[in-house]
Structures are given as C-alpha cells and as structure tokens.
Amino acid sequence: MPPRLGTEHPGRVPSAAFECGDGRWVQITGSDQHWKPLCEALELPQWADDPELARNAVRVARRDEVMAGLSAAAARLTRDELCRRCDARGVPAGPILDVEEILHNEHVLARGMVASYEHPSIGRFGAVPVPFKFDGFDDPRLERPPLLGEHTDSVLAGRLGLSPAQIEALRGQGAI
C-alpha cells in the first residue's frame, strides 16, 4: 500500500499544495522544464543549478528533502507574490482560494458559478449551481428549496391528475 502523501503526487515532485507565509496556499505542479524557473522564483539558486535535481526521478527519490526545502521557501513569500513569481516564469501554479475568495472571484462570478436566491424563511441565501457547463445545453436554473408541502397541490394535480376537490378530500383526511 503506498503511503499517504496529502496533496502530493506520487510520481512528480513538486506537485503539491504549499503553505505561504501569509497562511494561504498555492498549488504548484511542474515537470523537469519547470524546475529551474521554480527554484529561481523561490530563490533557491543552489537547487536551480543542481543537475541531479533537474530530473524528476531524483526529486522523487529525495522527496522529503526537496519538499521540505520548497515548503520552507514558499513560507517566506505571500501566496500572491509566489503566484506572481511562478506566473512570470511559466511555472504551473495557482492560488488555493478560501470560500470567501471563491464567492467574490471575478472568474467564478463571470462563469455564473455562484448564485443566490431569496428564501421566505431565512432571506437571501447563496449556493453553488451545477458546476459543469456543456455547450448547447441549457444551464439549469438554481431555485430555492421548496418549503414543506409548498408544491403538494401542483404535484398532485400535474403528475397524478387530481382535481382541486380530490386534493381537498385528501387534505381533509389528513393524508397530505
């Protein structure tokens, strides 16, 4: 049984979430061509020029040492600064957003990934609609959950074809 690695990928180093000095996190994933630019972004010149560490197989074999060094270097930077440095060097990295950041993220909002509705009991309520989008298919509308029994009459009439008198009879018998 392979050991648990948390956010790490078993066959690639680095490929993990790193905690930054401001307590926020960055996901960094890189192949051999990203190693030197990553080391430069993290100000690790001794590793940037190490021909052994330029190979993923060596980094995997020395996982504990490499991950400890990368983690320590990431902890010296803020999340946003680390993301800027990686982006400037073409290193695949991205911020791990907290819920509050996600709810106000420009891209998330532009994609319609956060919605809200008015609930009669609790007021305005936020929710996440269906997270995937398919070209050519209608986006399902997010609606508030119904109150207990709110749609009983329409379901009995629409699905079962019951008349208002039949529905009232069921209600009078305590069935609904």
C-alpha atoms as a PDB file:
ATOM      1  CA  MET A   1       0.000   0.000   0.000  1.00  0.00           C
ATOM      2  CA  PRO A   2       1.540   3.343  -0.998  1.00  0.00           C
ATOM      3  CA  PRO A   3       1.965   5.866   1.816  1.00  0.00           C
ATOM      4  CA  ARG A   4      -0.426   8.781   2.127  1.00  0.00           C
ATOM      5  CA  LEU A   5       1.007  11.862   0.507  1.00  0.00           C
ATOM      6  CA  GLY A   6      -1.624  14.503   1.230  1.00  0.00           C
ATOM      7  CA  THR A   7      -1.780  16.820  -1.771  1.00  0.00           C
ATOM      8  CA  GLU A   8       1.425  15.433  -3.279  1.00  0.00           C
ATOM      9  CA  HIS A   9       1.538  13.423  -6.486  1.00  0.00           C
ATOM     10  CA  PRO A  10       3.336  10.076  -6.017  1.00  0.00           C
ATOM     11  CA  GLY A  11       5.275  10.309  -9.275  1.00  0.00           C
ATOM     12  CA  ARG A  12       6.060  14.004  -9.540  1.00  0.00           C
ATOM     13  CA  VAL A  13       7.963  16.404  -7.317  1.00  0.00           C
ATOM     14  CA  PRO A  14       6.817  19.056  -6.956  1.00  0.00           C
ATOM     15  CA  SER A  15       3.116  18.600  -7.338  1.00  0.00           C
ATOM     16  CA  ALA A  16       1.520  19.707  -4.106  1.00  0.00           C
ATOM     17  CA  ALA A  17      -0.086  22.487  -2.114  1.00  0.00           C
ATOM     18  CA  PHE A  18       2.379  24.740  -0.300  1.00  0.00           C
ATOM     19  CA  GLU A  19       1.546  26.976   2.631  1.00  0.00           C
ATOM     20  CA  CYS A  20       2.852  30.505   2.241  1.00  0.00           C
ATOM     21  CA  GLY A  21       3.973  32.998   4.847  1.00  0.00           C
ATOM     22  CA  ASP A  22       0.566  34.661   4.985  1.00  0.00           C
ATOM     23  CA  GLY A  23      -1.173  31.380   5.869  1.00  0.00           C
ATOM     24  CA  ARG A  24      -2.649  30.978   2.388  1.00  0.00           C
ATOM     25  CA  TRP A  25      -1.870  28.156  -0.018  1.00  0.00           C
ATOM     26  CA  VAL A  26      -0.549  27.691  -3.563  1.00  0.00           C
ATOM     27  CA  GLN A  27      -0.769  24.565  -5.706  1.00  0.00           C
ATOM     28  CA  ILE A  28       2.454  24.092  -7.676  1.00  0.00           C
ATOM     29  CA  THR A  29       2.930  21.385 -10.288  1.00  0.00           C
ATOM     30  CA  GLY A  30       5.947  21.230 -12.503  1.00  0.00           C
ATOM     31  CA  SER A  31       7.874  18.978 -14.816  1.00  0.00           C
ATOM     32  CA  ASP A  32      11.611  18.961 -15.418  1.00  0.00           C
ATOM     33  CA  GLN A  33      11.460  22.083 -17.591  1.00  0.00           C
ATOM     34  CA  HIS A  34       9.820  23.983 -14.711  1.00  0.00           C
ATOM     35  CA  TRP A  35      12.363  23.024 -12.047  1.00  0.00           C
ATOM     36  CA  LYS A  36      14.952  25.737 -12.652  1.00  0.00           C
ATOM     37  CA  PRO A  37      12.385  28.563 -13.041  1.00  0.00           C
ATOM     38  CA  LEU A  38      10.636  27.369  -9.866  1.00  0.00           C
ATOM     39  CA  CYS A  39      13.900  27.385  -7.936  1.00  0.00           C
ATOM     40  CA  GLU A  40      14.576  30.899  -9.227  1.00  0.00           C
ATOM     41  CA  ALA A  41      11.097  32.022  -8.149  1.00  0.00           C
ATOM     42  CA  LEU A  42      11.728  30.580  -4.686  1.00  0.00           C
ATOM     43  CA  GLU A  43      15.274  31.984  -4.517  1.00  0.00           C
ATOM     44  CA  LEU A  44      16.920  28.565  -4.307  1.00  0.00           C
ATOM     45  CA  PRO A  45      19.958  29.075  -6.594  1.00  0.00           C
ATOM     46  CA  GLN A  46      21.795  26.028  -5.229  1.00  0.00           C
ATOM     47  CA  TRP A  47      18.958  23.797  -6.444  1.00  0.00           C
ATOM     48  CA  ALA A  48      18.349  25.705  -9.680  1.00  0.00           C
ATOM     49  CA  ASP A  49      21.846  24.800 -10.868  1.00  0.00           C
ATOM     50  CA  ASP A  50      21.964  21.243  -9.472  1.00  0.00           C
ATOM     51  CA  PRO A  51      21.954  18.875 -12.497  1.00  0.00           C
ATOM     52  CA  GLU A  52      20.791  15.965 -10.344  1.00  0.00           C
ATOM     53  CA  LEU A  53      17.674  17.762  -9.092  1.00  0.00           C
ATOM     54  CA  ALA A  54      16.839  18.819 -12.639  1.00  0.00           C
ATOM     55  CA  ARG A  55      15.462  15.282 -13.093  1.00  0.00           C
ATOM     56  CA  ASN A  56      12.092  14.368 -11.630  1.00  0.00           C
ATOM     57  CA  ALA A  57      13.233  10.823 -10.797  1.00  0.00           C
ATOM     58  CA  VAL A  58      15.906  12.242  -8.488  1.00  0.00           C
ATOM     59  CA  ARG A  59      13.453  14.686  -6.907  1.00  0.00           C
ATOM     60  CA  VAL A  60      11.024  11.820  -6.266  1.00  0.00           C
ATOM     61  CA  ALA A  61      13.814   9.756  -4.666  1.00  0.00           C
ATOM     62  CA  ARG A  62      14.735  12.740  -2.485  1.00  0.00           C
ATOM     63  CA  ARG A  63      11.107  13.746  -1.894  1.00  0.00           C
ATOM     64  CA  ASP A  64      11.403  14.524   1.826  1.00  0.00           C
ATOM     65  CA  GLU A  65      14.432  16.777   1.376  1.00  0.00           C
ATOM     66  CA  VAL A  66      13.043  18.552  -1.685  1.00  0.00           C
ATOM     67  CA  MET A  67       9.561  19.076  -0.283  1.00  0.00           C
ATOM     68  CA  ALA A  68      10.977  20.400   2.992  1.00  0.00           C
ATOM     69  CA  GLY A  69      13.144  22.891   1.104  1.00  0.00           C
ATOM     70  CA  LEU A  70      10.352  24.009  -1.200  1.00  0.00           C
ATOM     71  CA  SER A  71       7.962  24.332   1.733  1.00  0.00           C
ATOM     72  CA  ALA A  72      10.433  26.476   3.677  1.00  0.00           C
ATOM     73  CA  ALA A  73      10.998  28.722   0.655  1.00  0.00           C
ATOM     74  CA  ALA A  74       7.260  29.096  -0.012  1.00  0.00           C
ATOM     75  CA  ALA A  75       6.742  30.042   3.630  1.00  0.00           C
ATOM     76  CA  ARG A  76       8.940  33.119   3.099  1.00  0.00           C
ATOM     77  CA  LEU A  77       6.545  34.557   0.492  1.00  0.00           C
ATOM     78  CA  THR A  78       2.913  35.575   0.402  1.00  0.00           C
ATOM     79  CA  ARG A  79       0.574  33.499  -1.705  1.00  0.00           C
ATOM     80  CA  ASP A  80       0.054  36.297  -4.215  1.00  0.00           C
ATOM     81  CA  GLU A  81       3.785  37.001  -4.542  1.00  0.00           C
ATOM     82  CA  LEU A  82       4.571  33.322  -5.090  1.00  0.00           C
ATOM     83  CA  CYS A  83       1.840  33.077  -7.741  1.00  0.00           C
ATOM     84  CA  ARG A  84       3.180  36.214  -9.483  1.00  0.00           C
ATOM     85  CA  ARG A  85       6.727  34.834  -9.491  1.00  0.00           C
ATOM     86  CA  CYS A  86       5.639  31.448 -10.845  1.00  0.00           C
ATOM     87  CA  ASP A  87       3.404  33.031 -13.471  1.00  0.00           C
ATOM     88  CA  ALA A  88       6.221  35.311 -14.655  1.00  0.00           C
ATOM     89  CA  ARG A  89       8.441  32.246 -15.183  1.00  0.00           C
ATOM     90  CA  GLY A  90       5.855  29.917 -16.724  1.00  0.00           C
ATOM     91  CA  VAL A  91       5.692  27.610 -13.710  1.00  0.00           C
ATOM     92  CA  PRO A  92       2.265  25.959 -13.340  1.00  0.00           C
ATOM     93  CA  ALA A  93       0.916  27.306 -10.063  1.00  0.00           C
ATOM     94  CA  GLY A  94      -2.280  28.767  -8.762  1.00  0.00           C
ATOM     95  CA  PRO A  95      -3.780  30.124  -5.591  1.00  0.00           C
ATOM     96  CA  ILE A  96      -5.942  27.898  -3.450  1.00  0.00           C
ATOM     97  CA  LEU A  97      -8.832  30.172  -2.604  1.00  0.00           C
ATOM     98  CA  ASP A  98     -10.850  30.118   0.584  1.00  0.00           C
ATOM     99  CA  VAL A  99     -14.646  30.148   0.404  1.00  0.00           C
ATOM    100  CA  GLU A 100     -14.918  33.916   0.789  1.00  0.00           C
ATOM    101  CA  GLU A 101     -12.431  34.450  -2.045  1.00  0.00           C
ATOM    102  CA  ILE A 102     -14.251  31.971  -4.264  1.00  0.00           C
ATOM    103  CA  LEU A 103     -17.586  33.687  -3.720  1.00  0.00           C
ATOM    104  CA  HIS A 104     -16.112  37.002  -4.909  1.00  0.00           C
ATOM    105  CA  ASN A 105     -13.657  35.740  -7.537  1.00  0.00           C
ATOM    106  CA  GLU A 106     -14.020  37.549 -10.869  1.00  0.00           C
ATOM    107  CA  HIS A 107     -13.718  34.367 -12.948  1.00  0.00           C
ATOM    108  CA  VAL A 108     -16.125  32.392 -10.754  1.00  0.00           C
ATOM    109  CA  LEU A 109     -18.705  35.180 -10.971  1.00  0.00           C
ATOM    110  CA  ALA A 110     -18.284  35.580 -14.737  1.00  0.00           C
ATOM    111  CA  ARG A 111     -18.908  31.842 -15.200  1.00  0.00           C
ATOM    112  CA  GLY A 112     -22.079  32.007 -13.109  1.00  0.00           C
ATOM    113  CA  MET A 113     -20.658  29.562 -10.582  1.00  0.00           C
ATOM    114  CA  VAL A 114     -22.177  31.329  -7.579  1.00  0.00           C
ATOM    115  CA  ALA A 115     -25.838  32.178  -7.336  1.00  0.00           C
ATOM    116  CA  SER A 116     -28.247  33.302  -4.698  1.00  0.00           C
ATOM    117  CA  TYR A 117     -31.956  33.290  -4.142  1.00  0.00           C
ATOM    118  CA  GLU A 118     -34.475  34.690  -1.746  1.00  0.00           C
ATOM    119  CA  HIS A 119     -35.837  32.197   0.771  1.00  0.00           C
ATOM    120  CA  PRO A 120     -39.060  33.102   2.595  1.00  0.00           C
ATOM    121  CA  SER A 121     -37.777  31.905   5.977  1.00  0.00           C
ATOM    122  CA  ILE A 122     -34.082  32.773   6.000  1.00  0.00           C
ATOM    123  CA  GLY A 123     -33.758  35.606   3.482  1.00  0.00           C
ATOM    124  CA  ARG A 124     -31.030  35.828   0.853  1.00  0.00           C
ATOM    125  CA  PHE A 125     -29.129  32.560   0.557  1.00  0.00           C
ATOM    126  CA  GLY A 126     -26.038  31.753  -1.523  1.00  0.00           C
ATOM    127  CA  ALA A 127     -25.497  28.475  -3.297  1.00  0.00           C
ATOM    128  CA  VAL A 128     -23.367  26.821  -5.946  1.00  0.00           C
ATOM    129  CA  PRO A 129     -25.256  25.725  -9.057  1.00  0.00           C
ATOM    130  CA  VAL A 130     -24.349  22.721 -11.190  1.00  0.00           C
ATOM    131  CA  PRO A 131     -20.564  23.167 -11.565  1.00  0.00           C
ATOM    132  CA  PHE A 132     -20.157  21.938 -15.124  1.00  0.00           C
ATOM    133  CA  LYS A 133     -21.300  23.615 -18.326  1.00  0.00           C
ATOM    134  CA  PHE A 134     -21.991  21.944 -21.662  1.00  0.00           C
ATOM    135  CA  ASP A 135     -22.137  23.917 -24.874  1.00  0.00           C
ATOM    136  CA  GLY A 136     -25.608  23.698 -26.376  1.00  0.00           C
ATOM    137  CA  PHE A 137     -27.384  22.643 -23.188  1.00  0.00           C
ATOM    138  CA  ASP A 138     -29.486  24.885 -21.041  1.00  0.00           C
ATOM    139  CA  ASP A 139     -27.916  25.822 -17.765  1.00  0.00           C
ATOM    140  CA  PRO A 140     -30.209  24.505 -15.028  1.00  0.00           C
ATOM    141  CA  ARG A 141     -31.621  27.382 -13.025  1.00  0.00           C
ATOM    142  CA  LEU A 142     -30.883  27.418  -9.348  1.00  0.00           C
ATOM    143  CA  GLU A 143     -34.017  27.851  -7.324  1.00  0.00           C
ATOM    144  CA  ARG A 144     -34.553  27.868  -3.611  1.00  0.00           C
ATOM    145  CA  PRO A 145     -35.618  24.620  -1.985  1.00  0.00           C
ATOM    146  CA  PRO A 146     -39.362  24.394  -1.503  1.00  0.00           C
ATOM    147  CA  LEU A 147     -40.972  24.768   1.863  1.00  0.00           C
ATOM    148  CA  LEU A 148     -42.554  21.646   3.312  1.00  0.00           C
ATOM    149  CA  GLY A 149     -45.670  20.931   1.266  1.00  0.00           C
ATOM    150  CA  GLU A 150     -45.253  24.001  -0.935  1.00  0.00           C
ATOM    151  CA  HIS A 151     -45.678  22.089  -4.205  1.00  0.00           C
ATOM    152  CA  THR A 152     -48.021  19.371  -2.992  1.00  0.00           C
ATOM    153  CA  ASP A 153     -51.072  20.700  -4.826  1.00  0.00           C
ATOM    154  CA  SER A 154     -49.255  21.263  -8.121  1.00  0.00           C
ATOM    155  CA  VAL A 155     -47.620  17.808  -7.994  1.00  0.00           C
ATOM    156  CA  LEU A 156     -50.891  16.039  -7.197  1.00  0.00           C
ATOM    157  CA  ALA A 157     -52.702  17.946  -9.920  1.00  0.00           C
ATOM    158  CA  GLY A 158     -49.956  17.905 -12.548  1.00  0.00           C
ATOM    159  CA  ARG A 159     -48.486  14.440 -12.046  1.00  0.00           C
ATOM    160  CA  LEU A 160     -51.474  12.497 -10.768  1.00  0.00           C
ATOM    161  CA  GLY A 161     -54.221  14.476 -12.465  1.00  0.00           C
ATOM    162  CA  LEU A 162     -56.166  15.062  -9.241  1.00  0.00           C
ATOM    163  CA  SER A 163     -58.818  17.756  -9.188  1.00  0.00           C
ATOM    164  CA  PRO A 164     -58.887  20.512  -6.551  1.00  0.00           C
ATOM    165  CA  ALA A 165     -61.797  18.671  -4.887  1.00  0.00           C
ATOM    166  CA  GLN A 166     -59.824  15.409  -4.721  1.00  0.00           C
ATOM    167  CA  ILE A 167     -56.811  17.208  -3.264  1.00  0.00           C
ATOM    168  CA  GLU A 168     -59.021  18.857  -0.627  1.00  0.00           C
ATOM    169  CA  ALA A 169     -60.514  15.467   0.219  1.00  0.00           C
ATOM    170  CA  LEU A 170     -57.022  14.054   0.818  1.00  0.00           C
ATOM    171  CA  ARG A 171     -56.181  17.079   2.916  1.00  0.00           C
ATOM    172  CA  GLY A 172     -59.399  16.623   4.925  1.00  0.00           C
ATOM    173  CA  GLN A 173     -58.473  13.001   5.618  1.00  0.00           C
ATOM    174  CA  GLY A 174     -55.028  14.067   6.875  1.00  0.00           C
ATOM    175  CA  ALA A 175     -53.279  12.233   4.043  1.00  0.00           C
ATOM    176  CA  ILE A 176     -51.491  15.399   2.991  1.00  0.00           C
END
